[in-house]
């Protein structure tokens, strides 16, 4: 099983604080004989606004030496996960969780905006200190 991102617990708590129930930590997927682990699986409990909605969340911290390199890696991973989920669990929506400093950094630059648009990225922007979700981008 892969190593957890440094913000894993922060995102778990932020999702819980936002009313989500963590159902998988990690979310295990199998496709074509390969095992894949998305960081978190969650859903909205019955009676809440987004009742029955299921999500998969991949967390990226962008703490490497190059944000562009990190962006490329995370988009590749996001694309693989999104396509596999479309095949085996199409009701589950994939989100990329990024800290606010990354969203207000590289994701606000032209390259980040291009990737959000062209790759149809769904983002969860989280407060890395306050354990809360700042923004959902669909």
Protein backbone atom coordinates (compact mmCIF):
# COMPACT_ATOMS: atom_id res chain seq x y z
CA UNK A 1 0.00 0.00 0.00
CA UNK A 2 1.36 3.44 -0.88
CA UNK A 3 2.57 5.94 1.68
CA UNK A 4 -0.01 8.48 2.86
CA UNK A 5 0.35 12.11 1.83
CA UNK A 6 1.45 14.53 4.56
CA UNK A 7 -2.01 16.12 4.46
CA UNK A 8 -3.94 12.84 4.56
CA UNK A 9 -5.30 13.26 8.10
CA UNK A 10 -6.03 16.93 7.45
CA UNK A 11 -8.20 16.09 4.42
CA UNK A 12 -9.95 13.23 6.24
CA UNK A 13 -10.87 15.61 9.07
CA UNK A 14 -11.89 18.37 6.62
CA UNK A 15 -14.25 15.95 4.84
CA UNK A 16 -15.74 14.81 8.15
CA UNK A 17 -16.16 18.44 9.21
CA UNK A 18 -17.99 19.04 5.89
CA UNK A 19 -20.47 16.22 6.61
CA UNK A 20 -18.87 13.37 4.68
CA UNK A 21 -18.56 9.83 5.99
CA UNK A 22 -15.20 8.20 5.26
CA UNK A 23 -16.01 4.75 3.87
CA UNK A 24 -12.59 3.69 2.57
CA UNK A 25 -9.11 4.70 3.71
CA UNK A 26 -7.70 3.95 1.20
CA UNK A 27 -10.20 3.13 -1.54
CA UNK A 28 -8.96 -0.08 -3.14
CA UNK A 29 -9.64 -0.66 -6.83
CA UNK A 30 -8.65 -3.58 -9.02
CA UNK A 31 -8.50 -3.40 -12.79
CA UNK A 32 -6.89 -5.78 -15.25
CA UNK A 33 -5.02 -7.57 -12.50
CA UNK A 34 -3.59 -4.35 -11.08
CA UNK A 35 -4.35 -3.04 -7.61
CA UNK A 36 -4.81 0.70 -7.27
CA UNK A 37 -5.28 2.72 -4.10
CA UNK A 38 -7.04 6.08 -4.15
CA UNK A 39 -6.39 7.94 -0.89
CA UNK A 40 -9.99 8.21 0.37
CA UNK A 41 -13.48 6.99 -0.44
CA UNK A 42 -16.38 8.91 1.11
CA UNK A 43 -20.10 9.42 0.82
CA UNK A 44 -22.84 11.66 2.14
CA UNK A 45 -25.01 9.99 4.78
CA UNK A 46 -28.77 9.77 4.27
CA UNK A 47 -30.61 12.99 4.92
CA UNK A 48 -27.85 15.42 4.00
CA UNK A 49 -27.82 17.81 1.04
CA UNK A 50 -25.75 15.54 -1.21
CA UNK A 51 -27.34 12.30 0.03
CA UNK A 52 -25.93 9.17 -1.56
CA UNK A 53 -23.15 10.98 -3.43
CA UNK A 54 -19.97 8.91 -3.49
CA UNK A 55 -16.55 10.43 -4.03
CA UNK A 56 -12.97 9.27 -4.34
CA UNK A 57 -10.30 11.71 -3.22
CA UNK A 58 -6.65 11.74 -4.24
CA UNK A 59 -4.54 14.08 -2.11
CA UNK A 60 -1.54 15.97 -3.45
CA UNK A 61 0.66 18.26 -1.36
CA UNK A 62 2.87 19.85 -4.05
CA UNK A 63 5.94 19.92 -1.82
CA UNK A 64 8.44 18.80 -4.47
CA UNK A 65 11.10 20.99 -6.04
CA UNK A 66 9.01 21.73 -9.15
CA UNK A 67 5.29 22.49 -9.11
CA UNK A 68 5.10 21.79 -12.85
CA UNK A 69 6.60 18.33 -12.35
CA UNK A 70 4.19 17.66 -9.44
CA UNK A 71 1.28 18.87 -11.60
CA UNK A 72 2.23 16.48 -14.38
CA UNK A 73 2.47 13.53 -12.00
CA UNK A 74 -0.84 14.26 -10.32
CA UNK A 75 -2.70 14.78 -13.62
CA UNK A 76 -1.41 11.45 -14.92
CA UNK A 77 -2.53 9.70 -11.75
CA UNK A 78 -5.88 11.54 -11.76
CA UNK A 79 -6.50 10.48 -15.37
CA UNK A 80 -5.78 6.82 -14.62
CA UNK A 81 -8.01 6.81 -11.55
CA UNK A 82 -10.85 8.68 -13.29
CA UNK A 83 -10.88 6.24 -16.21
CA UNK A 84 -10.78 3.17 -13.98
CA UNK A 85 -13.56 4.53 -11.79
CA UNK A 86 -15.65 5.20 -14.92
CA UNK A 87 -15.34 1.51 -15.79
CA UNK A 88 -15.86 -0.16 -12.42
CA UNK A 89 -17.64 2.37 -10.19
CA UNK A 90 -19.16 5.07 -12.43
CA UNK A 91 -21.32 6.52 -9.66
CA UNK A 92 -18.23 7.60 -7.70
CA UNK A 93 -16.81 11.04 -8.59
CA UNK A 94 -13.06 11.60 -8.39
CA UNK A 95 -11.64 14.74 -6.80
CA UNK A 96 -8.09 15.96 -6.46
CA UNK A 97 -7.56 17.52 -3.01
CA UNK A 98 -4.94 20.27 -2.99
CA UNK A 99 -3.83 22.66 -0.25
CA UNK A 100 -4.86 26.28 -0.63
CA UNK A 101 -1.26 27.40 -1.30
CA UNK A 102 -1.17 25.13 -4.37
CA UNK A 103 -4.57 26.21 -5.62
CA UNK A 104 -3.72 29.90 -5.25
CA UNK A 105 -0.29 29.14 -6.72
CA UNK A 106 0.11 26.90 -9.75
CA UNK A 107 -3.61 26.27 -10.27
CA UNK A 108 -4.23 30.00 -10.73
CA UNK A 109 -1.41 30.30 -13.27
CA UNK A 110 -2.20 29.84 -16.98
CA UNK A 111 -0.79 26.29 -16.95
CA UNK A 112 -2.96 25.33 -13.99
CA UNK A 113 -6.09 26.89 -15.49
CA UNK A 114 -5.40 25.06 -18.76
CA UNK A 115 -5.09 21.74 -16.95
CA UNK A 116 -8.28 22.31 -14.91
CA UNK A 117 -10.17 23.07 -18.12
CA UNK A 118 -8.68 20.52 -20.53
CA UNK A 119 -8.39 17.65 -18.06
CA UNK A 120 -11.79 18.42 -16.48
CA UNK A 121 -10.23 18.38 -13.02
CA UNK A 122 -12.54 18.35 -10.03
CA UNK A 123 -10.77 19.92 -7.08
CA UNK A 124 -11.19 20.13 -3.34
CA UNK A 125 -9.22 23.09 -2.01
CA UNK A 126 -8.48 22.56 1.66
CA UNK A 127 -7.10 24.71 4.46
CA UNK A 128 -3.94 22.88 5.43
CA UNK A 129 -3.97 24.37 8.93
CA UNK A 130 -7.66 24.67 9.82
CA UNK A 131 -8.79 21.20 8.63
CA UNK A 132 -11.62 22.60 6.56
CA UNK A 133 -12.62 22.64 2.92
CA UNK A 134 -12.36 26.09 1.39
CA UNK A 135 -13.80 25.33 -2.03
CA UNK A 136 -15.23 22.56 -4.23
CA UNK A 137 -14.46 23.06 -7.92
CA UNK A 138 -16.58 20.91 -10.24
